Amino acid sequence: MKNLRMKAARAALDLSQQQLADAVGVSRQTINAIEKGDYNPTIKLCVAICRCLGKTLDELFWED
């Protein structure tokens, strides 16, 4: 499932995929794959992304 909430949160902060990737220590391709729903990140990476984007795990990764 695509992670449009993560993509929207990143865009709201005017961050590119590369900038977010650099901030959390992964490749741009990893961020792209998470947003497309092709990659299921570790909890450690989820937490790092949430911290960078100022969101909670529930806001970005919990499916309704």
PDB file of N, CA and C in Angstrom:
ATOM      1  N   MET A   1       0.838  -1.185   0.000  1.00  0.00           N
ATOM      2  CA  MET A   1       0.000   0.000   0.000  1.00  0.00           C
ATOM      3  C   MET A   1       0.884   1.251   0.000  1.00  0.00           C
ATOM      4  N   LYS A   2       0.541   2.192  -0.858  1.00  0.00           N
ATOM      5  CA  LYS A   2       1.314   3.431  -0.948  1.00  0.00           C
ATOM      6  C   LYS A   2       1.229   4.212   0.356  1.00  0.00           C
ATOM      7  N   ASN A   3       2.320   4.877   0.689  1.00  0.00           N
ATOM      8  CA  ASN A   3       2.322   5.699   1.897  1.00  0.00           C
ATOM      9  C   ASN A   3       2.208   7.167   1.491  1.00  0.00           C
ATOM     10  N   LEU A   4       1.000   7.579   1.157  1.00  0.00           N
ATOM     11  CA  LEU A   4       0.759   8.952   0.736  1.00  0.00           C
ATOM     12  C   LEU A   4       0.864   9.934   1.894  1.00  0.00           C
ATOM     13  N   ARG A   5       0.626   9.449   3.120  1.00  0.00           N
ATOM     14  CA  ARG A   5       0.746  10.343   4.288  1.00  0.00           C
ATOM     15  C   ARG A   5       2.193  10.752   4.500  1.00  0.00           C
ATOM     16  N   MET A   6       3.115   9.818   4.315  1.00  0.00           N
ATOM     17  CA  MET A   6       4.525  10.147   4.453  1.00  0.00           C
ATOM     18  C   MET A   6       4.953  11.111   3.346  1.00  0.00           C
ATOM     19  N   LYS A   7       4.503  10.849   2.138  1.00  0.00           N
ATOM     20  CA  LYS A   7       4.838  11.714   1.009  1.00  0.00           C
ATOM     21  C   LYS A   7       4.296  13.121   1.237  1.00  0.00           C
ATOM     22  N   ALA A   8       3.066  13.233   1.734  1.00  0.00           N
ATOM     23  CA  ALA A   8       2.452  14.542   1.989  1.00  0.00           C
ATOM     24  C   ALA A   8       3.189  15.285   3.098  1.00  0.00           C
ATOM     25  N   ALA A   9       3.579  14.564   4.150  1.00  0.00           N
ATOM     26  CA  ALA A   9       4.307  15.193   5.262  1.00  0.00           C
ATOM     27  C   ALA A   9       5.667  15.693   4.795  1.00  0.00           C
ATOM     28  N   ARG A  10       6.318  14.921   3.956  1.00  0.00           N
ATOM     29  CA  ARG A  10       7.615  15.329   3.401  1.00  0.00           C
ATOM     30  C   ARG A  10       7.449  16.560   2.522  1.00  0.00           C
ATOM     31  N   ALA A  11       6.441  16.544   1.669  1.00  0.00           N
ATOM     32  CA  ALA A  11       6.193  17.678   0.769  1.00  0.00           C
ATOM     33  C   ALA A  11       5.816  18.938   1.551  1.00  0.00           C
ATOM     34  N   ALA A  12       5.066  18.778   2.635  1.00  0.00           N
ATOM     35  CA  ALA A  12       4.654  19.925   3.451  1.00  0.00           C
ATOM     36  C   ALA A  12       5.858  20.649   4.044  1.00  0.00           C
ATOM     37  N   LEU A  13       6.927  19.899   4.284  1.00  0.00           N
ATOM     38  CA  LEU A  13       8.162  20.496   4.815  1.00  0.00           C
ATOM     39  C   LEU A  13       9.111  20.898   3.694  1.00  0.00           C
ATOM     40  N   ASP A  14       8.656  20.748   2.450  1.00  0.00           N
ATOM     41  CA  ASP A  14       9.446  21.083   1.265  1.00  0.00           C
ATOM     42  C   ASP A  14      10.765  20.311   1.233  1.00  0.00           C
ATOM     43  N   LEU A  15      10.687  19.030   1.608  1.00  0.00           N
ATOM     44  CA  LEU A  15      11.859  18.154   1.583  1.00  0.00           C
ATOM     45  C   LEU A  15      11.787  17.251   0.355  1.00  0.00           C
ATOM     46  N   SER A  16      12.901  17.090  -0.321  1.00  0.00           N
ATOM     47  CA  SER A  16      12.965  16.117  -1.409  1.00  0.00           C
ATOM     48  C   SER A  16      13.163  14.726  -0.814  1.00  0.00           C
ATOM     49  N   GLN A  17      12.956  13.713  -1.630  1.00  0.00           N
ATOM     50  CA  GLN A  17      13.240  12.353  -1.166  1.00  0.00           C
ATOM     51  C   GLN A  17      14.708  12.246  -0.752  1.00  0.00           C
ATOM     52  N   GLN A  18      15.591  12.878  -1.510  1.00  0.00           N
ATOM     53  CA  GLN A  18      17.026  12.815  -1.196  1.00  0.00           C
ATOM     54  C   GLN A  18      17.325  13.480   0.141  1.00  0.00           C
ATOM     55  N   GLN A  19      16.707  14.614   0.418  1.00  0.00           N
ATOM     56  CA  GLN A  19      16.951  15.317   1.678  1.00  0.00           C
ATOM     57  C   GLN A  19      16.468  14.484   2.864  1.00  0.00           C
ATOM     58  N   LEU A  20      15.308  13.859   2.737  1.00  0.00           N
ATOM     59  CA  LEU A  20      14.808  13.000   3.814  1.00  0.00           C
ATOM     60  C   LEU A  20      15.712  11.786   3.974  1.00  0.00           C
ATOM     61  N   ALA A  21      16.122  11.208   2.857  1.00  0.00           N
ATOM     62  CA  ALA A  21      17.014  10.045   2.905  1.00  0.00           C
ATOM     63  C   ALA A  21      18.319  10.385   3.618  1.00  0.00           C
ATOM     64  N   ASP A  22      18.892  11.535   3.288  1.00  0.00           N
ATOM     65  CA  ASP A  22      20.134  11.961   3.935  1.00  0.00           C
ATOM     66  C   ASP A  22      19.928  12.154   5.437  1.00  0.00           C
ATOM     67  N   ALA A  23      18.784  12.709   5.805  1.00  0.00           N
ATOM     68  CA  ALA A  23      18.504  12.988   7.218  1.00  0.00           C
ATOM     69  C   ALA A  23      18.353  11.720   8.051  1.00  0.00           C
ATOM     70  N   VAL A  24      17.847  10.657   7.441  1.00  0.00           N
ATOM     71  CA  VAL A  24      17.627   9.413   8.196  1.00  0.00           C
ATOM     72  C   VAL A  24      18.644   8.324   7.873  1.00  0.00           C
ATOM     73  N   GLY A  25      19.570   8.601   6.966  1.00  0.00           N
ATOM     74  CA  GLY A  25      20.670   7.672   6.717  1.00  0.00           C
ATOM     75  C   GLY A  25      20.360   6.504   5.808  1.00  0.00           C
ATOM     76  N   VAL A  26      19.489   6.731   4.816  1.00  0.00           N
ATOM     77  CA  VAL A  26      19.198   5.687   3.825  1.00  0.00           C
ATOM     78  C   VAL A  26      19.329   6.287   2.424  1.00  0.00           C
ATOM     79  N   SER A  27      19.123   5.465   1.416  1.00  0.00           N
ATOM     80  CA  SER A  27      19.199   5.968   0.040  1.00  0.00           C
ATOM     81  C   SER A  27      17.872   6.607  -0.372  1.00  0.00           C
ATOM     82  N   ARG A  28      17.928   7.431  -1.398  1.00  0.00           N
ATOM     83  CA  ARG A  28      16.709   8.027  -1.943  1.00  0.00           C
ATOM     84  C   ARG A  28      15.778   6.932  -2.451  1.00  0.00           C
ATOM     85  N   GLN A  29      16.359   5.878  -2.990  1.00  0.00           N
ATOM     86  CA  GLN A  29      15.562   4.773  -3.512  1.00  0.00           C
ATOM     87  C   GLN A  29      14.748   4.100  -2.404  1.00  0.00           C
ATOM     88  N   THR A  30      15.307   4.063  -1.196  1.00  0.00           N
ATOM     89  CA  THR A  30      14.583   3.479  -0.066  1.00  0.00           C
ATOM     90  C   THR A  30      13.362   4.323   0.274  1.00  0.00           C
ATOM     91  N   ILE A  31      13.535   5.639   0.323  1.00  0.00           N
ATOM     92  CA  ILE A  31      12.406   6.531   0.601  1.00  0.00           C
ATOM     93  C   ILE A  31      11.351   6.381  -0.485  1.00  0.00           C
ATOM     94  N   ASN A  32      11.782   6.330  -1.729  1.00  0.00           N
ATOM     95  CA  ASN A  32      10.862   6.150  -2.851  1.00  0.00           C
ATOM     96  C   ASN A  32      10.095   4.838  -2.711  1.00  0.00           C
ATOM     97  N   ALA A  33      10.788   3.779  -2.367  1.00  0.00           N
ATOM     98  CA  ALA A  33      10.148   2.466  -2.233  1.00  0.00           C
ATOM     99  C   ALA A  33       9.134   2.452  -1.085  1.00  0.00           C
ATOM    100  N   ILE A  34       9.429   3.131   0.014  1.00  0.00           N
ATOM    101  CA  ILE A  34       8.483   3.215   1.129  1.00  0.00           C
ATOM    102  C   ILE A  34       7.228   3.960   0.674  1.00  0.00           C
ATOM    103  N   GLU A  35       7.418   5.087   0.004  1.00  0.00           N
ATOM    104  CA  GLU A  35       6.278   5.879  -0.448  1.00  0.00           C
ATOM    105  C   GLU A  35       5.428   5.124  -1.467  1.00  0.00           C
ATOM    106  N   LYS A  36       6.060   4.309  -2.299  1.00  0.00           N
ATOM    107  CA  LYS A  36       5.333   3.530  -3.298  1.00  0.00           C
ATOM    108  C   LYS A  36       4.706   2.267  -2.710  1.00  0.00           C
ATOM    109  N   GLY A  37       5.086   1.908  -1.488  1.00  0.00           N
ATOM    110  CA  GLY A  37       4.558   0.702  -0.863  1.00  0.00           C
ATOM    111  C   GLY A  37       5.297  -0.555  -1.245  1.00  0.00           C
ATOM    112  N   ASP A  38       6.494  -0.391  -1.831  1.00  0.00           N
ATOM    113  CA  ASP A  38       7.287  -1.543  -2.251  1.00  0.00           C
ATOM    114  C   ASP A  38       8.258  -2.035  -1.179  1.00  0.00           C
ATOM    115  N   TYR A  39       8.385  -1.287  -0.088  1.00  0.00           N
ATOM    116  CA  TYR A  39       9.343  -1.639   0.952  1.00  0.00           C
ATOM    117  C   TYR A  39       8.726  -1.379   2.312  1.00  0.00           C
ATOM    118  N   ASN A  40       8.859  -2.326   3.207  1.00  0.00           N
ATOM    119  CA  ASN A  40       8.338  -2.211   4.556  1.00  0.00           C
ATOM    120  C   ASN A  40       9.507  -1.871   5.480  1.00  0.00           C
ATOM    121  N   PRO A  41       9.620  -0.621   5.940  1.00  0.00           N
ATOM    122  CA  PRO A  41      10.784  -0.215   6.727  1.00  0.00           C
ATOM    123  C   PRO A  41      10.797  -0.824   8.131  1.00  0.00           C
ATOM    124  N   THR A  42      11.995  -0.878   8.692  1.00  0.00           N
ATOM    125  CA  THR A  42      12.142  -1.340  10.074  1.00  0.00           C
ATOM    126  C   THR A  42      11.533  -0.300  11.008  1.00  0.00           C
ATOM    127  N   ILE A  43      11.241  -0.706  12.229  1.00  0.00           N
ATOM    128  CA  ILE A  43      10.684   0.224  13.205  1.00  0.00           C
ATOM    129  C   ILE A  43      11.686   1.348  13.492  1.00  0.00           C
ATOM    130  N   LYS A  44      12.966   1.018  13.484  1.00  0.00           N
ATOM    131  CA  LYS A  44      14.003   2.035  13.711  1.00  0.00           C
ATOM    132  C   LYS A  44      13.955   3.108  12.620  1.00  0.00           C
ATOM    133  N   LEU A  45      13.793   2.689  11.375  1.00  0.00           N
ATOM    134  CA  LEU A  45      13.710   3.642  10.275  1.00  0.00           C
ATOM    135  C   LEU A  45      12.403   4.430  10.346  1.00  0.00           C
ATOM    136  N   CYS A  46      11.309   3.771  10.697  1.00  0.00           N
ATOM    137  CA  CYS A  46      10.028   4.469  10.856  1.00  0.00           C
ATOM    138  C   CYS A  46      10.142   5.585  11.893  1.00  0.00           C
ATOM    139  N   VAL A  47      10.765   5.286  13.016  1.00  0.00           N
ATOM    140  CA  VAL A  47      10.929   6.280  14.084  1.00  0.00           C
ATOM    141  C   VAL A  47      11.784   7.444  13.588  1.00  0.00           C
ATOM    142  N   ALA A  48      12.865   7.148  12.877  1.00  0.00           N
ATOM    143  CA  ALA A  48      13.741   8.196  12.350  1.00  0.00           C
ATOM    144  C   ALA A  48      12.986   9.102  11.372  1.00  0.00           C
ATOM    145  N   ILE A  49      12.176   8.506  10.519  1.00  0.00           N
ATOM    146  CA  ILE A  49      11.382   9.282   9.562  1.00  0.00           C
ATOM    147  C   ILE A  49      10.383  10.159  10.311  1.00  0.00           C
ATOM    148  N   CYS A  50       9.711   9.594  11.286  1.00  0.00           N
ATOM    149  CA  CYS A  50       8.738  10.352  12.074  1.00  0.00           C
ATOM    150  C   CYS A  50       9.387  11.540  12.768  1.00  0.00           C
ATOM    151  N   ARG A  51      10.532  11.328  13.356  1.00  0.00           N
ATOM    152  CA  ARG A  51      11.238  12.427  14.031  1.00  0.00           C
ATOM    153  C   ARG A  51      11.578  13.534  13.046  1.00  0.00           C
ATOM    154  N   CYS A  52      12.062  13.152  11.893  1.00  0.00           N
ATOM    155  CA  CYS A  52      12.457  14.122  10.880  1.00  0.00           C
ATOM    156  C   CYS A  52      11.259  14.913  10.355  1.00  0.00           C
ATOM    157  N   LEU A  53      10.129  14.250  10.220  1.00  0.00           N
ATOM    158  CA  LEU A  53       8.944  14.899   9.660  1.00  0.00           C
ATOM    159  C   LEU A  53       8.028  15.501  10.726  1.00  0.00           C
ATOM    160  N   GLY A  54       8.356  15.291  11.994  1.00  0.00           N
ATOM    161  CA  GLY A  54       7.541  15.846  13.076  1.00  0.00           C
ATOM    162  C   GLY A  54       6.174  15.189  13.200  1.00  0.00           C
ATOM    163  N   LYS A  55       6.123  13.904  12.920  1.00  0.00           N
ATOM    164  CA  LYS A  55       4.868  13.144  12.978  1.00  0.00           C
ATOM    165  C   LYS A  55       5.034  11.950  13.906  1.00  0.00           C
ATOM    166  N   THR A  56       3.903  11.352  14.294  1.00  0.00           N
ATOM    167  CA  THR A  56       3.944  10.143  15.109  1.00  0.00           C
ATOM    168  C   THR A  56       3.908   8.911  14.204  1.00  0.00           C
ATOM    169  N   LEU A  57       4.236   7.766  14.782  1.00  0.00           N
ATOM    170  CA  LEU A  57       4.145   6.511  14.028  1.00  0.00           C
ATOM    171  C   LEU A  57       2.722   6.286  13.530  1.00  0.00           C
ATOM    172  N   ASP A  58       1.741   6.572  14.388  1.00  0.00           N
ATOM    173  CA  ASP A  58       0.346   6.392  13.997  1.00  0.00           C
ATOM    174  C   ASP A  58      -0.016   7.275  12.801  1.00  0.00           C
ATOM    175  N   GLU A  59       0.458   8.508  12.811  1.00  0.00           N
ATOM    176  CA  GLU A  59       0.121   9.443  11.737  1.00  0.00           C
ATOM    177  C   GLU A  59       0.682   9.003  10.384  1.00  0.00           C
ATOM    178  N   LEU A  60       1.849   8.398  10.385  1.00  0.00           N
ATOM    179  CA  LEU A  60       2.499   8.049   9.117  1.00  0.00           C
ATOM    180  C   LEU A  60       2.366   6.591   8.704  1.00  0.00           C
ATOM    181  N   PHE A  61       2.332   5.685   9.680  1.00  0.00           N
ATOM    182  CA  PHE A  61       2.447   4.270   9.320  1.00  0.00           C
ATOM    183  C   PHE A  61       1.293   3.382   9.745  1.00  0.00           C
ATOM    184  N   TRP A  62       0.340   3.890  10.506  1.00  0.00           N
ATOM    185  CA  TRP A  62      -0.772   3.047  10.940  1.00  0.00           C
ATOM    186  C   TRP A  62      -1.857   3.061   9.887  1.00  0.00           C
ATOM    187  N   GLU A  63      -2.262   1.903   9.426  1.00  0.00           N
ATOM    188  CA  GLU A  63      -3.319   1.810   8.422  1.00  0.00           C
ATOM    189  C   GLU A  63      -4.672   1.862   9.099  1.00  0.00           C
ATOM    190  N   ASP A  64      -5.561   2.645   8.521  1.00  0.00           N
ATOM    191  CA  ASP A  64      -6.921   2.776   9.073  1.00  0.00           C
ATOM    192  C   ASP A  64      -7.742   1.554   8.789  1.00  0.00           C
TER     193      ASP A  64
END
